[in-house]
Amino acid sequence: MKNIELKKITLSNWRGQNCSIDFKNGTTTIKGENGSGKTSIMSAWFWLLSGYTDVVLPKNSNLFDNTEELTKDTPAAIVTALLEIDGNTWELRKQAIASFKRDKSSDTWVKASSDTYVYSVDKIDVSASEYTSWIEKNICSVDLLPYCICGSFFSALSMEDKKE
């Protein structure tokens, strides 16, 4: 079994929040008032590894500050993590860039149907499939991540699902 430790996570413009947390040896407790960003940290971590922001429903939403209108100048939402896997340190980074296209008929910018994503491992840009392959090779199957990251995901399953 691999020894995997999250050493640091940094959120930049993630849901309008910027923070960096260094995890010390042992247990790090994240606490705060409602709306202070505790769930955003877990969602960012899960998104970095799986591509989804919601552990229970496989969907990707709320990457950007939802208090402001998205424009072509909206800053990228970036999550960076430092991991130690069996004594080796790795940096994972993913960024989401709000994509817009120019509507020639009205000469305005309109939100594209999909955002643009940039993936990197140890500061080397990789494709989405290479990134997923790295996660699966070094951490675990992407399908298993909800079980590993979020206890509430496991507790929400039916008894039949848990047996499986």
C-alpha atoms as a PDB file:
ATOM      1  CA  MET A   1       0.000   0.000   0.000  1.00  0.00           C
ATOM      2  CA  LYS A   2       1.250   3.483  -0.850  1.00  0.00           C
ATOM      3  CA  ASN A   3       1.805   6.160   1.748  1.00  0.00           C
ATOM      4  CA  ILE A   4       0.180   9.327   0.392  1.00  0.00           C
ATOM      5  CA  GLU A   5       0.196  12.617   2.282  1.00  0.00           C
ATOM      6  CA  LEU A   6      -1.270  15.935   1.237  1.00  0.00           C
ATOM      7  CA  LYS A   7       1.378  18.462   2.298  1.00  0.00           C
ATOM      8  CA  LYS A   8      -0.105  21.690   0.956  1.00  0.00           C
ATOM      9  CA  ILE A   9      -3.082  22.905  -1.043  1.00  0.00           C
ATOM     10  CA  THR A  10      -3.411  26.331  -2.620  1.00  0.00           C
ATOM     11  CA  LEU A  11      -6.593  27.798  -4.080  1.00  0.00           C
ATOM     12  CA  SER A  12      -6.365  30.821  -6.389  1.00  0.00           C
ATOM     13  CA  ASN A  13      -9.605  32.456  -7.492  1.00  0.00           C
ATOM     14  CA  TRP A  14     -11.375  29.199  -6.599  1.00  0.00           C
ATOM     15  CA  ARG A  15     -15.021  30.161  -6.065  1.00  0.00           C
ATOM     16  CA  GLY A  16     -13.681  33.654  -5.465  1.00  0.00           C
ATOM     17  CA  GLN A  17     -11.378  32.501  -2.678  1.00  0.00           C
ATOM     18  CA  ASN A  18      -7.629  32.512  -2.298  1.00  0.00           C
ATOM     19  CA  CYS A  19      -5.970  30.474   0.419  1.00  0.00           C
ATOM     20  CA  SER A  20      -3.060  28.199   1.101  1.00  0.00           C
ATOM     21  CA  ILE A  21      -2.991  25.499   3.753  1.00  0.00           C
ATOM     22  CA  ASP A  22       0.136  23.696   4.909  1.00  0.00           C
ATOM     23  CA  PHE A  23      -0.706  20.320   6.397  1.00  0.00           C
ATOM     24  CA  LYS A  24       1.520  19.338   9.288  1.00  0.00           C
ATOM     25  CA  ASN A  25       2.437  15.795  10.244  1.00  0.00           C
ATOM     26  CA  GLY A  26      -0.508  14.187  11.943  1.00  0.00           C
ATOM     27  CA  THR A  27      -3.939  15.752  11.727  1.00  0.00           C
ATOM     28  CA  THR A  28      -4.834  19.203  10.471  1.00  0.00           C
ATOM     29  CA  THR A  29      -8.232  20.542  11.477  1.00  0.00           C
ATOM     30  CA  ILE A  30     -10.004  22.961   9.176  1.00  0.00           C
ATOM     31  CA  LYS A  31     -12.731  24.884  10.945  1.00  0.00           C
ATOM     32  CA  GLY A  32     -14.611  28.099  10.451  1.00  0.00           C
ATOM     33  CA  GLU A  33     -17.949  29.826  10.221  1.00  0.00           C
ATOM     34  CA  ASN A  34     -20.562  28.793   7.680  1.00  0.00           C
ATOM     35  CA  GLY A  35     -19.602  30.160   4.292  1.00  0.00           C
ATOM     36  CA  SER A  36     -15.923  30.551   5.211  1.00  0.00           C
ATOM     37  CA  GLY A  37     -14.677  28.048   2.601  1.00  0.00           C
ATOM     38  CA  LYS A  38     -14.294  24.689   4.354  1.00  0.00           C
ATOM     39  CA  THR A  39     -16.330  22.834   1.717  1.00  0.00           C
ATOM     40  CA  SER A  40     -14.583  24.786  -1.037  1.00  0.00           C
ATOM     41  CA  ILE A  41     -11.258  23.335   0.096  1.00  0.00           C
ATOM     42  CA  MET A  42     -12.608  19.774  -0.060  1.00  0.00           C
ATOM     43  CA  SER A  43     -14.314  20.437  -3.410  1.00  0.00           C
ATOM     44  CA  ALA A  44     -11.104  21.919  -4.828  1.00  0.00           C
ATOM     45  CA  TRP A  45      -9.098  18.897  -3.661  1.00  0.00           C
ATOM     46  CA  PHE A  46     -11.631  16.506  -5.160  1.00  0.00           C
ATOM     47  CA  TRP A  47     -11.752  18.508  -8.425  1.00  0.00           C
ATOM     48  CA  LEU A  48      -7.966  18.475  -8.665  1.00  0.00           C
ATOM     49  CA  LEU A  49      -7.938  14.691  -8.497  1.00  0.00           C
ATOM     50  CA  SER A  50     -11.177  13.697 -10.231  1.00  0.00           C
ATOM     51  CA  GLY A  51     -12.367  16.610 -12.367  1.00  0.00           C
ATOM     52  CA  TYR A  52     -15.594  16.901 -10.375  1.00  0.00           C
ATOM     53  CA  THR A  53     -16.489  19.473  -7.740  1.00  0.00           C
ATOM     54  CA  ASP A  54     -19.249  17.417  -6.118  1.00  0.00           C
ATOM     55  CA  VAL A  55     -18.332  14.188  -4.371  1.00  0.00           C
ATOM     56  CA  VAL A  56     -21.893  12.822  -4.274  1.00  0.00           C
ATOM     57  CA  LEU A  57     -23.066  13.792  -7.769  1.00  0.00           C
ATOM     58  CA  PRO A  58     -20.468  13.530 -10.541  1.00  0.00           C
ATOM     59  CA  LYS A  59     -20.698  17.092 -11.779  1.00  0.00           C
ATOM     60  CA  ASN A  60     -18.427  20.045 -12.241  1.00  0.00           C
ATOM     61  CA  SER A  61     -19.815  23.384 -11.159  1.00  0.00           C
ATOM     62  CA  ASN A  62     -19.068  26.566  -9.248  1.00  0.00           C
ATOM     63  CA  LEU A  63     -15.390  26.843 -10.114  1.00  0.00           C
ATOM     64  CA  PHE A  64     -15.504  30.602 -10.336  1.00  0.00           C
ATOM     65  CA  ASP A  65     -16.699  33.384  -8.056  1.00  0.00           C
ATOM     66  CA  ASN A  66     -20.482  33.198  -8.377  1.00  0.00           C
ATOM     67  CA  THR A  67     -20.931  36.686  -6.894  1.00  0.00           C
ATOM     68  CA  GLU A  68     -19.599  38.250 -10.090  1.00  0.00           C
ATOM     69  CA  GLU A  69     -20.654  37.847 -13.693  1.00  0.00           C
ATOM     70  CA  LEU A  70     -18.276  35.724 -15.743  1.00  0.00           C
ATOM     71  CA  THR A  71     -16.488  37.641 -18.476  1.00  0.00           C
ATOM     72  CA  LYS A  72     -13.633  36.858 -20.819  1.00  0.00           C
ATOM     73  CA  ASP A  73     -11.419  38.648 -18.251  1.00  0.00           C
ATOM     74  CA  THR A  74     -12.457  36.406 -15.336  1.00  0.00           C
ATOM     75  CA  PRO A  75      -9.263  35.092 -13.725  1.00  0.00           C
ATOM     76  CA  ALA A  76      -8.554  31.376 -13.954  1.00  0.00           C
ATOM     77  CA  ALA A  77      -9.578  29.184 -11.037  1.00  0.00           C
ATOM     78  CA  ILE A  78      -6.432  27.325  -9.974  1.00  0.00           C
ATOM     79  CA  VAL A  79      -5.837  24.525  -7.490  1.00  0.00           C
ATOM     80  CA  THR A  80      -2.312  23.389  -6.670  1.00  0.00           C
ATOM     81  CA  ALA A  81      -1.356  20.610  -4.269  1.00  0.00           C
ATOM     82  CA  LEU A  82       1.906  19.268  -2.965  1.00  0.00           C
ATOM     83  CA  LEU A  83       1.754  15.535  -2.317  1.00  0.00           C
ATOM     84  CA  GLU A  84       4.234  13.147  -0.849  1.00  0.00           C
ATOM     85  CA  ILE A  85       3.860   9.632  -2.225  1.00  0.00           C
ATOM     86  CA  ASP A  86       6.180   7.011  -0.734  1.00  0.00           C
ATOM     87  CA  GLY A  87       8.776   9.674   0.053  1.00  0.00           C
ATOM     88  CA  ASN A  88       8.630  11.424  -3.338  1.00  0.00           C
ATOM     89  CA  THR A  89       7.166  14.934  -3.594  1.00  0.00           C
ATOM     90  CA  TRP A  90       4.853  15.804  -6.482  1.00  0.00           C
ATOM     91  CA  GLU A  91       3.084  19.012  -7.436  1.00  0.00           C
ATOM     92  CA  LEU A  92      -0.309  18.713  -9.108  1.00  0.00           C
ATOM     93  CA  ARG A  93      -1.935  21.766 -10.646  1.00  0.00           C
ATOM     94  CA  LYS A  94      -5.168  22.272 -12.514  1.00  0.00           C
ATOM     95  CA  GLN A  95      -6.679  25.465 -13.792  1.00  0.00           C
ATOM     96  CA  ALA A  96     -10.043  26.275 -15.271  1.00  0.00           C
ATOM     97  CA  ILE A  97     -10.300  29.205 -17.621  1.00  0.00           C
ATOM     98  CA  ALA A  98     -13.742  30.606 -18.396  1.00  0.00           C
ATOM     99  CA  SER A  99     -14.072  30.287 -22.167  1.00  0.00           C
ATOM    100  CA  PHE A 100     -15.872  32.789 -24.342  1.00  0.00           C
ATOM    101  CA  LYS A 101     -16.429  33.075 -28.051  1.00  0.00           C
ATOM    102  CA  ARG A 102     -17.192  36.094 -30.137  1.00  0.00           C
ATOM    103  CA  ASP A 103     -20.693  36.256 -31.579  1.00  0.00           C
ATOM    104  CA  LYS A 104     -20.042  37.835 -34.965  1.00  0.00           C
ATOM    105  CA  SER A 105     -23.666  38.773 -35.552  1.00  0.00           C
ATOM    106  CA  SER A 106     -23.849  40.972 -32.440  1.00  0.00           C
ATOM    107  CA  ASP A 107     -20.111  41.607 -32.033  1.00  0.00           C
ATOM    108  CA  THR A 108     -20.270  40.511 -28.375  1.00  0.00           C
ATOM    109  CA  TRP A 109     -18.522  37.868 -26.328  1.00  0.00           C
ATOM    110  CA  VAL A 110     -20.722  34.979 -25.169  1.00  0.00           C
ATOM    111  CA  LYS A 111     -19.913  32.185 -22.741  1.00  0.00           C
ATOM    112  CA  ALA A 112     -18.732  29.046 -24.523  1.00  0.00           C
ATOM    113  CA  SER A 113     -20.423  25.757 -23.633  1.00  0.00           C
ATOM    114  CA  SER A 114     -17.229  24.460 -22.002  1.00  0.00           C
ATOM    115  CA  ASP A 115     -14.340  25.974 -20.094  1.00  0.00           C
ATOM    116  CA  THR A 116     -10.672  25.412 -20.894  1.00  0.00           C
ATOM    117  CA  TYR A 117      -8.591  23.284 -18.534  1.00  0.00           C
ATOM    118  CA  VAL A 118      -4.827  23.144 -18.094  1.00  0.00           C
ATOM    119  CA  TYR A 119      -3.229  20.234 -16.203  1.00  0.00           C
ATOM    120  CA  SER A 120       0.319  19.928 -14.919  1.00  0.00           C
ATOM    121  CA  VAL A 121       2.385  17.462 -12.943  1.00  0.00           C
ATOM    122  CA  ASP A 122       5.588  18.856 -11.427  1.00  0.00           C
ATOM    123  CA  LYS A 123       5.219  22.042 -13.501  1.00  0.00           C
ATOM    124  CA  ILE A 124       5.029  20.106 -16.774  1.00  0.00           C
ATOM    125  CA  ASP A 125       1.803  20.604 -18.740  1.00  0.00           C
ATOM    126  CA  VAL A 126       0.124  17.336 -19.639  1.00  0.00           C
ATOM    127  CA  SER A 127      -3.043  16.358 -21.479  1.00  0.00           C
ATOM    128  CA  ALA A 128      -6.228  15.504 -19.581  1.00  0.00           C
ATOM    129  CA  SER A 129      -5.775  11.795 -20.310  1.00  0.00           C
ATOM    130  CA  GLU A 130      -2.121  11.869 -19.186  1.00  0.00           C
ATOM    131  CA  TYR A 131      -3.180  13.630 -15.990  1.00  0.00           C
ATOM    132  CA  THR A 132      -5.892  11.050 -15.269  1.00  0.00           C
ATOM    133  CA  SER A 133      -3.446   8.231 -16.004  1.00  0.00           C
ATOM    134  CA  TRP A 134      -0.979   9.760 -13.545  1.00  0.00           C
ATOM    135  CA  ILE A 135      -3.694   9.956 -10.839  1.00  0.00           C
ATOM    136  CA  GLU A 136      -4.702   6.341 -11.448  1.00  0.00           C
ATOM    137  CA  LYS A 137      -1.107   5.076 -11.467  1.00  0.00           C
ATOM    138  CA  ASN A 138       0.096   7.020  -8.416  1.00  0.00           C
ATOM    139  CA  ILE A 139      -2.974   7.492  -6.216  1.00  0.00           C
ATOM    140  CA  CYS A 140      -5.961   5.311  -7.084  1.00  0.00           C
ATOM    141  CA  SER A 141      -8.696   4.750  -9.635  1.00  0.00           C
ATOM    142  CA  VAL A 142     -10.667   7.943 -10.221  1.00  0.00           C
ATOM    143  CA  ASP A 143     -13.827   5.889  -9.578  1.00  0.00           C
ATOM    144  CA  LEU A 144     -12.607   5.184  -6.036  1.00  0.00           C
ATOM    145  CA  LEU A 145     -11.757   8.775  -5.116  1.00  0.00           C
ATOM    146  CA  PRO A 146     -15.173   9.632  -3.606  1.00  0.00           C
ATOM    147  CA  TYR A 147     -14.723   6.762  -1.142  1.00  0.00           C
ATOM    148  CA  CYS A 148     -11.203   7.876  -0.244  1.00  0.00           C
ATOM    149  CA  ILE A 149     -11.858  11.580   0.133  1.00  0.00           C
ATOM    150  CA  CYS A 150     -15.309  12.023   1.585  1.00  0.00           C
ATOM    151  CA  GLY A 151     -16.831   9.949   4.347  1.00  0.00           C
ATOM    152  CA  SER A 152     -20.263  11.500   3.720  1.00  0.00           C
ATOM    153  CA  PHE A 153     -20.214   9.984   0.228  1.00  0.00           C
ATOM    154  CA  PHE A 154     -19.824   6.511   1.700  1.00  0.00           C
ATOM    155  CA  SER A 155     -22.408   7.103   4.433  1.00  0.00           C
ATOM    156  CA  ALA A 156     -24.970   8.275   1.825  1.00  0.00           C
ATOM    157  CA  LEU A 157     -24.818   4.991  -0.080  1.00  0.00           C
ATOM    158  CA  SER A 158     -27.522   2.399   0.306  1.00  0.00           C
ATOM    159  CA  MET A 159     -26.696  -0.810   2.164  1.00  0.00           C
ATOM    160  CA  GLU A 160     -26.588  -2.693  -1.155  1.00  0.00           C
ATOM    161  CA  ASP A 161     -24.049  -0.221  -2.543  1.00  0.00           C
ATOM    162  CA  LYS A 162     -21.908  -0.494   0.579  1.00  0.00           C
ATOM    163  CA  LYS A 163     -21.849  -4.294   0.314  1.00  0.00           C
ATOM    164  CA  GLU A 164     -20.724  -3.992  -3.293  1.00  0.00           C
END
